[in-house]
Amino acid sequence: MPERSTEAAVAEWTALLDRFEADLREPSPGVWGEAASPLPPELAPRARRVLAAQREHIQRLERERDETLGHLAALRRIPADIGERPAYLDLDG
């Protein structure tokens, strides 16, 4: 039978990994706390999968941010007051 401290570490890390996975699906407000115990070896494969999923999520968010910044830059090139004259936006330039 495992030691109580090992059981507590597994329970703590399982809950933390559950939270990380849930936040990847539907982010929730709040602060993630640091685990009080080292990662139990039996949870290392799951932790690596969660970390890989978080990195993919970050990359997707960075791409979306860059695309949004590009859109905003294009919109800023449009004069604020064009009056009654026709205006065109060069989408390729």
PDB file of N, CA and C in Angstrom:
ATOM      1  N   MET A   1       0.843  -1.182   0.000  1.00  0.00           N
ATOM      2  CA  MET A   1       0.000   0.000   0.000  1.00  0.00           C
ATOM      3  C   MET A   1       0.887   1.244   0.000  1.00  0.00           C
ATOM      4  N   PRO A   2       0.594   2.272  -0.874  1.00  0.00           N
ATOM      5  CA  PRO A   2       1.443   3.450  -0.939  1.00  0.00           C
ATOM      6  C   PRO A   2       1.362   4.278   0.338  1.00  0.00           C
ATOM      7  N   GLU A   3       2.441   5.063   0.536  1.00  0.00           N
ATOM      8  CA  GLU A   3       2.448   5.945   1.692  1.00  0.00           C
ATOM      9  C   GLU A   3       1.358   6.991   1.548  1.00  0.00           C
ATOM     10  N   ARG A   4       0.966   7.528   2.669  1.00  0.00           N
ATOM     11  CA  ARG A   4      -0.070   8.570   2.669  1.00  0.00           C
ATOM     12  C   ARG A   4       0.396   9.787   1.880  1.00  0.00           C
ATOM     13  N   SER A   5       1.672  10.161   2.002  1.00  0.00           N
ATOM     14  CA  SER A   5       2.171  11.337   1.293  1.00  0.00           C
ATOM     15  C   SER A   5       2.121  11.122  -0.215  1.00  0.00           C
ATOM     16  N   THR A   6       2.375   9.891  -0.671  1.00  0.00           N
ATOM     17  CA  THR A   6       2.291   9.591  -2.095  1.00  0.00           C
ATOM     18  C   THR A   6       0.842   9.674  -2.560  1.00  0.00           C
ATOM     19  N   GLU A   7      -0.075   9.146  -1.772  1.00  0.00           N
ATOM     20  CA  GLU A   7      -1.504   9.237  -2.116  1.00  0.00           C
ATOM     21  C   GLU A   7      -1.950  10.696  -2.179  1.00  0.00           C
ATOM     22  N   ALA A   8      -1.463  11.500  -1.232  1.00  0.00           N
ATOM     23  CA  ALA A   8      -1.829  12.917  -1.206  1.00  0.00           C
ATOM     24  C   ALA A   8      -1.266  13.632  -2.431  1.00  0.00           C
ATOM     25  N   ALA A   9      -0.037  13.301  -2.816  1.00  0.00           N
ATOM     26  CA  ALA A   9       0.577  13.926  -3.993  1.00  0.00           C
ATOM     27  C   ALA A   9      -0.183  13.548  -5.258  1.00  0.00           C
ATOM     28  N   VAL A  10      -0.578  12.292  -5.380  1.00  0.00           N
ATOM     29  CA  VAL A  10      -1.343  11.846  -6.545  1.00  0.00           C
ATOM     30  C   VAL A  10      -2.686  12.567  -6.590  1.00  0.00           C
ATOM     31  N   ALA A  11      -3.341  12.675  -5.456  1.00  0.00           N
ATOM     32  CA  ALA A  11      -4.633  13.364  -5.413  1.00  0.00           C
ATOM     33  C   ALA A  11      -4.470  14.839  -5.763  1.00  0.00           C
ATOM     34  N   GLU A  12      -3.454  15.477  -5.209  1.00  0.00           N
ATOM     35  CA  GLU A  12      -3.211  16.896  -5.482  1.00  0.00           C
ATOM     36  C   GLU A  12      -2.927  17.133  -6.974  1.00  0.00           C
ATOM     37  N   TRP A  13      -2.032  16.326  -7.530  1.00  0.00           N
ATOM     38  CA  TRP A  13      -1.666  16.496  -8.944  1.00  0.00           C
ATOM     39  C   TRP A  13      -2.801  16.098  -9.878  1.00  0.00           C
ATOM     40  N   THR A  14      -3.560  15.096  -9.516  1.00  0.00           N
ATOM     41  CA  THR A  14      -4.716  14.710 -10.332  1.00  0.00           C
ATOM     42  C   THR A  14      -5.704  15.867 -10.408  1.00  0.00           C
ATOM     43  N   ALA A  15      -5.968  16.495  -9.281  1.00  0.00           N
ATOM     44  CA  ALA A  15      -6.884  17.639  -9.264  1.00  0.00           C
ATOM     45  C   ALA A  15      -6.324  18.797 -10.082  1.00  0.00           C
ATOM     46  N   LEU A  16      -5.029  19.047  -9.966  1.00  0.00           N
ATOM     47  CA  LEU A  16      -4.404  20.131 -10.716  1.00  0.00           C
ATOM     48  C   LEU A  16      -4.451  19.860 -12.216  1.00  0.00           C
ATOM     49  N   LEU A  17      -4.135  18.638 -12.624  1.00  0.00           N
ATOM     50  CA  LEU A  17      -4.188  18.280 -14.052  1.00  0.00           C
ATOM     51  C   LEU A  17      -5.627  18.322 -14.568  1.00  0.00           C
ATOM     52  N   ASP A  18      -6.578  17.902 -13.745  1.00  0.00           N
ATOM     53  CA  ASP A  18      -7.996  18.015 -14.124  1.00  0.00           C
ATOM     54  C   ASP A  18      -8.344  19.478 -14.404  1.00  0.00           C
ATOM     55  N   ARG A  19      -7.885  20.366 -13.546  1.00  0.00           N
ATOM     56  CA  ARG A  19      -8.162  21.807 -13.704  1.00  0.00           C
ATOM     57  C   ARG A  19      -7.527  22.329 -14.990  1.00  0.00           C
ATOM     58  N   PHE A  20      -6.273  21.944 -15.246  1.00  0.00           N
ATOM     59  CA  PHE A  20      -5.591  22.388 -16.466  1.00  0.00           C
ATOM     60  C   PHE A  20      -6.352  21.928 -17.707  1.00  0.00           C
ATOM     61  N   GLU A  21      -6.780  20.676 -17.700  1.00  0.00           N
ATOM     62  CA  GLU A  21      -7.526  20.146 -18.847  1.00  0.00           C
ATOM     63  C   GLU A  21      -8.869  20.852 -19.012  1.00  0.00           C
ATOM     64  N   ALA A  22      -9.557  21.085 -17.914  1.00  0.00           N
ATOM     65  CA  ALA A  22     -10.844  21.780 -17.983  1.00  0.00           C
ATOM     66  C   ALA A  22     -10.658  23.201 -18.507  1.00  0.00           C
ATOM     67  N   ASP A  23      -9.600  23.883 -18.084  1.00  0.00           N
ATOM     68  CA  ASP A  23      -9.349  25.243 -18.540  1.00  0.00           C
ATOM     69  C   ASP A  23      -8.970  25.295 -20.014  1.00  0.00           C
ATOM     70  N   LEU A  24      -8.435  24.228 -20.553  1.00  0.00           N
ATOM     71  CA  LEU A  24      -8.165  24.183 -21.994  1.00  0.00           C
ATOM     72  C   LEU A  24      -9.474  24.126 -22.779  1.00  0.00           C
ATOM     73  N   ARG A  25     -10.460  23.426 -22.219  1.00  0.00           N
ATOM     74  CA  ARG A  25     -11.763  23.330 -22.874  1.00  0.00           C
ATOM     75  C   ARG A  25     -12.593  24.591 -22.664  1.00  0.00           C
ATOM     76  N   GLU A  26     -12.633  25.081 -21.446  1.00  0.00           N
ATOM     77  CA  GLU A  26     -13.449  26.246 -21.083  1.00  0.00           C
ATOM     78  C   GLU A  26     -12.712  26.989 -19.966  1.00  0.00           C
ATOM     79  N   PRO A  27     -11.981  28.052 -20.325  1.00  0.00           N
ATOM     80  CA  PRO A  27     -11.218  28.767 -19.293  1.00  0.00           C
ATOM     81  C   PRO A  27     -12.113  29.282 -18.168  1.00  0.00           C
ATOM     82  N   SER A  28     -11.603  29.186 -16.966  1.00  0.00           N
ATOM     83  CA  SER A  28     -12.337  29.678 -15.802  1.00  0.00           C
ATOM     84  C   SER A  28     -11.470  30.699 -15.082  1.00  0.00           C
ATOM     85  N   PRO A  29     -12.102  31.671 -14.456  1.00  0.00           N
ATOM     86  CA  PRO A  29     -11.314  32.658 -13.714  1.00  0.00           C
ATOM     87  C   PRO A  29     -10.671  32.014 -12.491  1.00  0.00           C
ATOM     88  N   GLY A  30      -9.657  32.628 -12.031  1.00  0.00           N
ATOM     89  CA  GLY A  30      -8.991  32.114 -10.843  1.00  0.00           C
ATOM     90  C   GLY A  30      -7.513  31.932 -11.091  1.00  0.00           C
ATOM     91  N   VAL A  31      -6.809  31.728 -10.019  1.00  0.00           N
ATOM     92  CA  VAL A  31      -5.364  31.587 -10.079  1.00  0.00           C
ATOM     93  C   VAL A  31      -4.999  30.135  -9.841  1.00  0.00           C
ATOM     94  N   TRP A  32      -4.088  29.656 -10.640  1.00  0.00           N
ATOM     95  CA  TRP A  32      -3.581  28.304 -10.418  1.00  0.00           C
ATOM     96  C   TRP A  32      -2.511  28.381  -9.348  1.00  0.00           C
ATOM     97  N   GLY A  33      -2.586  27.478  -8.420  1.00  0.00           N
ATOM     98  CA  GLY A  33      -1.576  27.440  -7.373  1.00  0.00           C
ATOM     99  C   GLY A  33      -0.517  26.397  -7.670  1.00  0.00           C
ATOM    100  N   GLU A  34       0.630  26.619  -7.091  1.00  0.00           N
ATOM    101  CA  GLU A  34       1.736  25.670  -7.244  1.00  0.00           C
ATOM    102  C   GLU A  34       1.467  24.441  -6.381  1.00  0.00           C
ATOM    103  N   ALA A  35       1.801  23.288  -6.900  1.00  0.00           N
ATOM    104  CA  ALA A  35       1.619  22.059  -6.127  1.00  0.00           C
ATOM    105  C   ALA A  35       2.606  22.034  -4.967  1.00  0.00           C
ATOM    106  N   ALA A  36       2.162  21.494  -3.860  1.00  0.00           N
ATOM    107  CA  ALA A  36       3.012  21.423  -2.673  1.00  0.00           C
ATOM    108  C   ALA A  36       3.990  20.251  -2.733  1.00  0.00           C
ATOM    109  N   SER A  37       3.722  19.314  -3.613  1.00  0.00           N
ATOM    110  CA  SER A  37       4.574  18.124  -3.690  1.00  0.00           C
ATOM    111  C   SER A  37       5.074  17.938  -5.116  1.00  0.00           C
ATOM    112  N   PRO A  38       6.162  17.213  -5.283  1.00  0.00           N
ATOM    113  CA  PRO A  38       6.661  16.936  -6.631  1.00  0.00           C
ATOM    114  C   PRO A  38       5.669  16.069  -7.414  1.00  0.00           C
ATOM    115  N   LEU A  39       5.763  16.164  -8.724  1.00  0.00           N
ATOM    116  CA  LEU A  39       4.891  15.363  -9.595  1.00  0.00           C
ATOM    117  C   LEU A  39       5.195  13.878  -9.406  1.00  0.00           C
ATOM    118  N   PRO A  40       4.186  13.089  -9.066  1.00  0.00           N
ATOM    119  CA  PRO A  40       4.402  11.647  -8.959  1.00  0.00           C
ATOM    120  C   PRO A  40       4.753  11.069 -10.338  1.00  0.00           C
ATOM    121  N   PRO A  41       5.717  10.172 -10.393  1.00  0.00           N
ATOM    122  CA  PRO A  41       6.161   9.624 -11.687  1.00  0.00           C
ATOM    123  C   PRO A  41       5.036   9.013 -12.519  1.00  0.00           C
ATOM    124  N   GLU A  42       4.047   8.416 -11.875  1.00  0.00           N
ATOM    125  CA  GLU A  42       2.974   7.770 -12.630  1.00  0.00           C
ATOM    126  C   GLU A  42       2.072   8.788 -13.340  1.00  0.00           C
ATOM    127  N   LEU A  43       2.147  10.063 -12.949  1.00  0.00           N
ATOM    128  CA  LEU A  43       1.346  11.092 -13.610  1.00  0.00           C
ATOM    129  C   LEU A  43       2.147  11.880 -14.648  1.00  0.00           C
ATOM    130  N   ALA A  44       3.418  11.572 -14.798  1.00  0.00           N
ATOM    131  CA  ALA A  44       4.269  12.306 -15.747  1.00  0.00           C
ATOM    132  C   ALA A  44       3.759  12.223 -17.187  1.00  0.00           C
ATOM    133  N   PRO A  45       3.334  11.060 -17.697  1.00  0.00           N
ATOM    134  CA  PRO A  45       2.825  11.028 -19.075  1.00  0.00           C
ATOM    135  C   PRO A  45       1.610  11.941 -19.268  1.00  0.00           C
ATOM    136  N   ARG A  46       0.709  11.946 -18.305  1.00  0.00           N
ATOM    137  CA  ARG A  46      -0.469  12.811 -18.405  1.00  0.00           C
ATOM    138  C   ARG A  46      -0.042  14.279 -18.354  1.00  0.00           C
ATOM    139  N   ALA A  47       0.876  14.617 -17.476  1.00  0.00           N
ATOM    140  CA  ALA A  47       1.350  16.001 -17.366  1.00  0.00           C
ATOM    141  C   ALA A  47       2.001  16.449 -18.670  1.00  0.00           C
ATOM    142  N   ARG A  48       2.755  15.561 -19.327  1.00  0.00           N
ATOM    143  CA  ARG A  48       3.369  15.906 -20.620  1.00  0.00           C
ATOM    144  C   ARG A  48       2.299  16.155 -21.680  1.00  0.00           C
ATOM    145  N   ARG A  49       1.241  15.360 -21.673  1.00  0.00           N
ATOM    146  CA  ARG A  49       0.145  15.567 -22.643  1.00  0.00           C
ATOM    147  C   ARG A  49      -0.553  16.909 -22.394  1.00  0.00           C
ATOM    148  N   VAL A  50      -0.790  17.225 -21.128  1.00  0.00           N
ATOM    149  CA  VAL A  50      -1.429  18.495 -20.794  1.00  0.00           C
ATOM    150  C   VAL A  50      -0.527  19.655 -21.213  1.00  0.00           C
ATOM    151  N   LEU A  51       0.753  19.543 -20.942  1.00  0.00           N
ATOM    152  CA  LEU A  51       1.693  20.594 -21.328  1.00  0.00           C
ATOM    153  C   LEU A  51       1.719  20.779 -22.843  1.00  0.00           C
ATOM    154  N   ALA A  52       1.719  19.689 -23.596  1.00  0.00           N
ATOM    155  CA  ALA A  52       1.694  19.785 -25.060  1.00  0.00           C
ATOM    156  C   ALA A  52       0.404  20.460 -25.533  1.00  0.00           C
ATOM    157  N   ALA A  53      -0.708  20.121 -24.923  1.00  0.00           N
ATOM    158  CA  ALA A  53      -1.987  20.746 -25.295  1.00  0.00           C
ATOM    159  C   ALA A  53      -1.978  22.230 -24.956  1.00  0.00           C
ATOM    160  N   GLN A  54      -1.387  22.604 -23.825  1.00  0.00           N
ATOM    161  CA  GLN A  54      -1.297  24.019 -23.459  1.00  0.00           C
ATOM    162  C   GLN A  54      -0.432  24.771 -24.467  1.00  0.00           C
ATOM    163  N   ARG A  55       0.677  24.177 -24.873  1.00  0.00           N
ATOM    164  CA  ARG A  55       1.556  24.828 -25.863  1.00  0.00           C
ATOM    165  C   ARG A  55       0.835  25.015 -27.197  1.00  0.00           C
ATOM    166  N   GLU A  56       0.076  24.020 -27.629  1.00  0.00           N
ATOM    167  CA  GLU A  56      -0.701  24.152 -28.867  1.00  0.00           C
ATOM    168  C   GLU A  56      -1.729  25.269 -28.739  1.00  0.00           C
ATOM    169  N   HIS A  57      -2.364  25.352 -27.585  1.00  0.00           N
ATOM    170  CA  HIS A  57      -3.367  26.391 -27.331  1.00  0.00           C
ATOM    171  C   HIS A  57      -2.706  27.781 -27.380  1.00  0.00           C
ATOM    172  N   ILE A  58      -1.545  27.903 -26.783  1.00  0.00           N
ATOM    173  CA  ILE A  58      -0.811  29.177 -26.805  1.00  0.00           C
ATOM    174  C   ILE A  58      -0.469  29.562 -28.234  1.00  0.00           C
ATOM    175  N   GLN A  59      -0.004  28.605 -29.036  1.00  0.00           N
ATOM    176  CA  GLN A  59       0.327  28.899 -30.439  1.00  0.00           C
ATOM    177  C   GLN A  59      -0.903  29.362 -31.208  1.00  0.00           C
ATOM    178  N   ARG A  60      -2.034  28.719 -30.978  1.00  0.00           N
ATOM    179  CA  ARG A  60      -3.273  29.120 -31.657  1.00  0.00           C
ATOM    180  C   ARG A  60      -3.676  30.536 -31.242  1.00  0.00           C
ATOM    181  N   LEU A  61      -3.583  30.834 -29.956  1.00  0.00           N
ATOM    182  CA  LEU A  61      -3.911  32.173 -29.474  1.00  0.00           C
ATOM    183  C   LEU A  61      -2.966  33.220 -30.053  1.00  0.00           C
ATOM    184  N   GLU A  62      -1.690  32.883 -30.184  1.00  0.00           N
ATOM    185  CA  GLU A  62      -0.736  33.817 -30.769  1.00  0.00           C
ATOM    186  C   GLU A  62      -1.056  34.080 -32.237  1.00  0.00           C
ATOM    187  N   ARG A  63      -1.444  33.040 -32.980  1.00  0.00           N
ATOM    188  CA  ARG A  63      -1.832  33.233 -34.386  1.00  0.00           C
ATOM    189  C   ARG A  63      -3.069  34.116 -34.487  1.00  0.00           C
ATOM    190  N   GLU A  64      -4.058  33.861 -33.629  1.00  0.00           N
ATOM    191  CA  GLU A  64      -5.277  34.666 -33.634  1.00  0.00           C
ATOM    192  C   GLU A  64      -4.970  36.117 -33.252  1.00  0.00           C
ATOM    193  N   ARG A  65      -4.093  36.311 -32.282  1.00  0.00           N
ATOM    194  CA  ARG A  65      -3.694  37.666 -31.894  1.00  0.00           C
ATOM    195  C   ARG A  65      -3.031  38.386 -33.063  1.00  0.00           C
ATOM    196  N   ASP A  66      -2.100  37.706 -33.735  1.00  0.00           N
ATOM    197  CA  ASP A  66      -1.408  38.323 -34.866  1.00  0.00           C
ATOM    198  C   ASP A  66      -2.373  38.678 -35.986  1.00  0.00           C
ATOM    199  N   GLU A  67      -3.329  37.800 -36.247  1.00  0.00           N
ATOM    200  CA  GLU A  67      -4.339  38.076 -37.281  1.00  0.00           C
ATOM    201  C   GLU A  67      -5.188  39.284 -36.884  1.00  0.00           C
ATOM    202  N   THR A  68      -5.573  39.349 -35.633  1.00  0.00           N
ATOM    203  CA  THR A  68      -6.367  40.484 -35.150  1.00  0.00           C
ATOM    204  C   THR A  68      -5.573  41.781 -35.242  1.00  0.00           C
ATOM    205  N   LEU A  69      -4.313  41.747 -34.881  1.00  0.00           N
ATOM    206  CA  LEU A  69      -3.470  42.938 -34.991  1.00  0.00           C
ATOM    207  C   LEU A  69      -3.353  43.395 -36.441  1.00  0.00           C
ATOM    208  N   GLY A  70      -3.267  42.428 -37.370  1.00  0.00           N
ATOM    209  CA  GLY A  70      -3.239  42.773 -38.788  1.00  0.00           C
ATOM    210  C   GLY A  70      -4.531  43.445 -39.229  1.00  0.00           C
ATOM    211  N   HIS A  71      -5.645  42.943 -38.763  1.00  0.00           N
ATOM    212  CA  HIS A  71      -6.934  43.556 -39.087  1.00  0.00           C
ATOM    213  C   HIS A  71      -7.017  44.970 -38.530  1.00  0.00           C
ATOM    214  N   LEU A  72      -6.575  45.140 -37.297  1.00  0.00           N
ATOM    215  CA  LEU A  72      -6.612  46.464 -36.688  1.00  0.00           C
ATOM    216  C   LEU A  72      -5.711  47.444 -37.439  1.00  0.00           C
ATOM    217  N   ALA A  73      -4.543  46.976 -37.855  1.00  0.00           N
ATOM    218  CA  ALA A  73      -3.639  47.843 -38.616  1.00  0.00           C
ATOM    219  C   ALA A  73      -4.286  48.277 -39.926  1.00  0.00           C
ATOM    220  N   ALA A  74      -4.983  47.358 -40.597  1.00  0.00           N
ATOM    221  CA  ALA A  74      -5.665  47.702 -41.848  1.00  0.00           C
ATOM    222  C   ALA A  74      -6.767  48.724 -41.592  1.00  0.00           C
ATOM    223  N   LEU A  75      -7.504  48.541 -40.531  1.00  0.00           N
ATOM    224  CA  LEU A  75      -8.582  49.486 -40.211  1.00  0.00           C
ATOM    225  C   LEU A  75      -8.045  50.871 -39.874  1.00  0.00           C
ATOM    226  N   ARG A  76      -6.877  50.924 -39.249  1.00  0.00           N
ATOM    227  CA  ARG A  76      -6.291  52.227 -38.892  1.00  0.00           C
ATOM    228  C   ARG A  76      -5.832  53.008 -40.122  1.00  0.00           C
ATOM    229  N   ARG A  77      -5.637  52.313 -41.238  1.00  0.00           N
ATOM    230  CA  ARG A  77      -5.225  53.004 -42.470  1.00  0.00           C
ATOM    231  C   ARG A  77      -6.393  53.697 -43.162  1.00  0.00           C
ATOM    232  N   ILE A  78      -7.600  53.439 -42.733  1.00  0.00           N
ATOM    233  CA  ILE A  78      -8.780  54.075 -43.323  1.00  0.00           C
ATOM    234  C   ILE A  78      -8.927  55.465 -42.707  1.00  0.00           C
ATOM    235  N   PRO A  79      -9.000  56.495 -43.533  1.00  0.00           N
ATOM    236  CA  PRO A  79      -9.177  57.844 -42.983  1.00  0.00           C
ATOM    237  C   PRO A  79     -10.459  57.918 -42.153  1.00  0.00           C
ATOM    238  N   ALA A  80     -10.402  58.679 -41.076  1.00  0.00           N
ATOM    239  CA  ALA A  80     -11.543  58.790 -40.169  1.00  0.00           C
ATOM    240  C   ALA A  80     -12.708  59.534 -40.825  1.00  0.00           C
ATOM    241  N   ASP A  81     -12.405  60.553 -41.628  1.00  0.00           N
ATOM    242  CA  ASP A  81     -13.466  61.345 -42.232  1.00  0.00           C
ATOM    243  C   ASP A  81     -13.265  61.351 -43.744  1.00  0.00           C
ATOM    244  N   ILE A  82     -14.043  60.545 -44.441  1.00  0.00           N
ATOM    245  CA  ILE A  82     -13.902  60.481 -45.895  1.00  0.00           C
ATOM    246  C   ILE A  82     -14.939  61.339 -46.598  1.00  0.00           C
ATOM    247  N   GLY A  83     -15.820  61.932 -45.837  1.00  0.00           N
ATOM    248  CA  GLY A  83     -16.824  62.807 -46.422  1.00  0.00           C
ATOM    249  C   GLY A  83     -17.739  62.058 -47.374  1.00  0.00           C
ATOM    250  N   GLU A  84     -18.080  62.708 -48.476  1.00  0.00           N
ATOM    251  CA  GLU A  84     -19.007  62.139 -49.452  1.00  0.00           C
ATOM    252  C   GLU A  84     -18.302  61.410 -50.589  1.00  0.00           C
ATOM    253  N   ARG A  85     -16.988  61.426 -50.616  1.00  0.00           N
ATOM    254  CA  ARG A  85     -16.273  60.791 -51.737  1.00  0.00           C
ATOM    255  C   ARG A  85     -16.163  59.278 -51.508  1.00  0.00           C
ATOM    256  N   PRO A  86     -16.048  58.525 -52.623  1.00  0.00           N
ATOM    257  CA  PRO A  86     -15.909  57.073 -52.478  1.00  0.00           C
ATOM    258  C   PRO A  86     -14.565  56.734 -51.832  1.00  0.00           C
ATOM    259  N   ALA A  87     -14.543  55.635 -51.090  1.00  0.00           N
ATOM    260  CA  ALA A  87     -13.293  55.171 -50.470  1.00  0.00           C
ATOM    261  C   ALA A  87     -13.122  53.697 -50.756  1.00  0.00           C
ATOM    262  N   TYR A  88     -11.891  53.317 -50.961  1.00  0.00           N
ATOM    263  CA  TYR A  88     -11.567  51.914 -51.244  1.00  0.00           C
ATOM    264  C   TYR A  88     -10.447  51.490 -50.305  1.00  0.00           C
ATOM    265  N   LEU A  89     -10.496  50.247 -49.904  1.00  0.00           N
ATOM    266  CA  LEU A  89      -9.475  49.691 -49.038  1.00  0.00           C
ATOM    267  C   LEU A  89      -8.741  48.631 -49.830  1.00  0.00           C
ATOM    268  N   ASP A  90      -7.417  48.811 -49.971  1.00  0.00           N
ATOM    269  CA  ASP A  90      -6.583  47.845 -50.692  1.00  0.00           C
ATOM    270  C   ASP A  90      -6.310  46.671 -49.757  1.00  0.00           C
ATOM    271  N   LEU A  91      -6.972  45.563 -49.969  1.00  0.00           N
ATOM    272  CA  LEU A  91      -6.809  44.396 -49.110  1.00  0.00           C
ATOM    273  C   LEU A  91      -5.519  43.638 -49.375  1.00  0.00           C
ATOM    274  N   ASP A  92      -4.941  43.829 -50.550  1.00  0.00           N
ATOM    275  CA  ASP A  92      -3.731  43.099 -50.907  1.00  0.00           C
ATOM    276  C   ASP A  92      -2.464  43.890 -50.597  1.00  0.00           C
ATOM    277  N   GLY A  93      -2.562  45.190 -50.415  1.00  0.00           N
ATOM    278  CA  GLY A  93      -1.372  46.024 -50.230  1.00  0.00           C
ATOM    279  C   GLY A  93      -1.174  46.337 -48.831  1.00  0.00           C
TER     280      GLY A  93
END
